[in-house]
C-alpha atoms as a PDB file:
ATOM      1  CA  MET A   1      15.040 -33.126  20.811  1.00  0.00           C
ATOM      2  CA  SER A   2      12.808 -30.310  19.411  1.00  0.00           C
ATOM      3  CA  THR A   3      13.834 -26.781  20.097  1.00  0.00           C
ATOM      4  CA  THR A   4      11.282 -23.978  20.648  1.00  0.00           C
ATOM      5  CA  LYS A   5      11.428 -21.259  18.115  1.00  0.00           C
ATOM      6  CA  LYS A   6      11.922 -17.674  18.862  1.00  0.00           C
ATOM      7  CA  LYS A   7       9.159 -15.585  18.555  1.00  0.00           C
ATOM      8  CA  PRO A   8      10.338 -11.736  17.678  1.00  0.00           C
ATOM      9  CA  PRO A   9       9.546  -9.223  20.044  1.00  0.00           C
ATOM     10  CA  ILE A  10       6.231  -7.804  20.468  1.00  0.00           C
ATOM     11  CA  SER A  11       7.550  -4.123  20.775  1.00  0.00           C
ATOM     12  CA  HIS A  12       9.312  -4.372  17.189  1.00  0.00           C
ATOM     13  CA  GLN A  13       5.961  -5.005  15.673  1.00  0.00           C
ATOM     14  CA  LYS A  14       4.281  -2.352  17.734  1.00  0.00           C
ATOM     15  CA  GLN A  15       6.637   0.161  16.631  1.00  0.00           C
ATOM     16  CA  GLN A  16       6.505  -0.826  12.762  1.00  0.00           C
ATOM     17  CA  GLN A  17       2.852  -0.238  12.726  1.00  0.00           C
ATOM     18  CA  GLN A  18       2.678   2.967  14.431  1.00  0.00           C
ATOM     19  CA  VAL A  19       5.420   4.219  11.599  1.00  0.00           C
ATOM     20  CA  ASN A  20       2.671   2.980   8.829  1.00  0.00           C
ATOM     21  CA  ARG A  21      -0.045   4.726  10.773  1.00  0.00           C
ATOM     22  CA  LYS A  22       1.770   7.848  10.877  1.00  0.00           C
ATOM     23  CA  ALA A  23       2.694   7.785   7.386  1.00  0.00           C
ATOM     24  CA  LEU A  24      -0.574   7.014   6.599  1.00  0.00           C
ATOM     25  CA  ILE A  25      -1.950  10.286   8.262  1.00  0.00           C
ATOM     26  CA  TRP A  26       0.708  12.332   6.628  1.00  0.00           C
ATOM     27  CA  ILE A  27      -0.360  11.081   2.861  1.00  0.00           C
ATOM     28  CA  GLY A  28      -4.118  11.759   4.037  1.00  0.00           C
ATOM     29  CA  ALA A  29      -3.256  15.247   5.212  1.00  0.00           C
ATOM     30  CA  ALA A  30      -1.472  15.963   2.128  1.00  0.00           C
ATOM     31  CA  PHE A  31      -4.319  14.708   0.056  1.00  0.00           C
ATOM     32  CA  VAL A  32      -7.042  16.909   1.752  1.00  0.00           C
ATOM     33  CA  VAL A  33      -4.665  19.720   1.380  1.00  0.00           C
ATOM     34  CA  ILE A  34      -4.371  19.376  -2.234  1.00  0.00           C
ATOM     35  CA  VAL A  35      -8.068  18.624  -2.827  1.00  0.00           C
ATOM     36  CA  ALA A  36      -8.968  21.833  -0.895  1.00  0.00           C
ATOM     37  CA  ALA A  37      -6.781  23.744  -2.625  1.00  0.00           C
ATOM     38  CA  VAL A  38      -8.071  22.598  -6.327  1.00  0.00           C
ATOM     39  CA  ALA A  39     -11.500  23.538  -4.977  1.00  0.00           C
ATOM     40  CA  VAL A  40     -10.748  26.740  -4.185  1.00  0.00           C
ATOM     41  CA  MET A  41      -9.123  27.305  -7.366  1.00  0.00           C
ATOM     42  CA  LEU A  42     -12.000  25.900  -9.330  1.00  0.00           C
ATOM     43  CA  ALA A  43     -14.549  27.886  -7.000  1.00  0.00           C
ATOM     44  CA  LEU A  44     -12.255  31.220  -7.721  1.00  0.00           C
ATOM     45  CA  ASN A  45     -11.744  30.472 -11.334  1.00  0.00           C
ATOM     46  CA  VAL A  46      -8.055  30.641 -11.376  1.00  0.00           C
END
């Protein structure tokens, strides 16, 4: 009399992981731009 539990669709899990990956890429790119700008300012003594 036991019923099987429904598993969440796999496509939903992949989509959520892809969004997180894109967010990490954007954050990483922004961090690199900020570090590069600070390095240029330090090099030019601004």
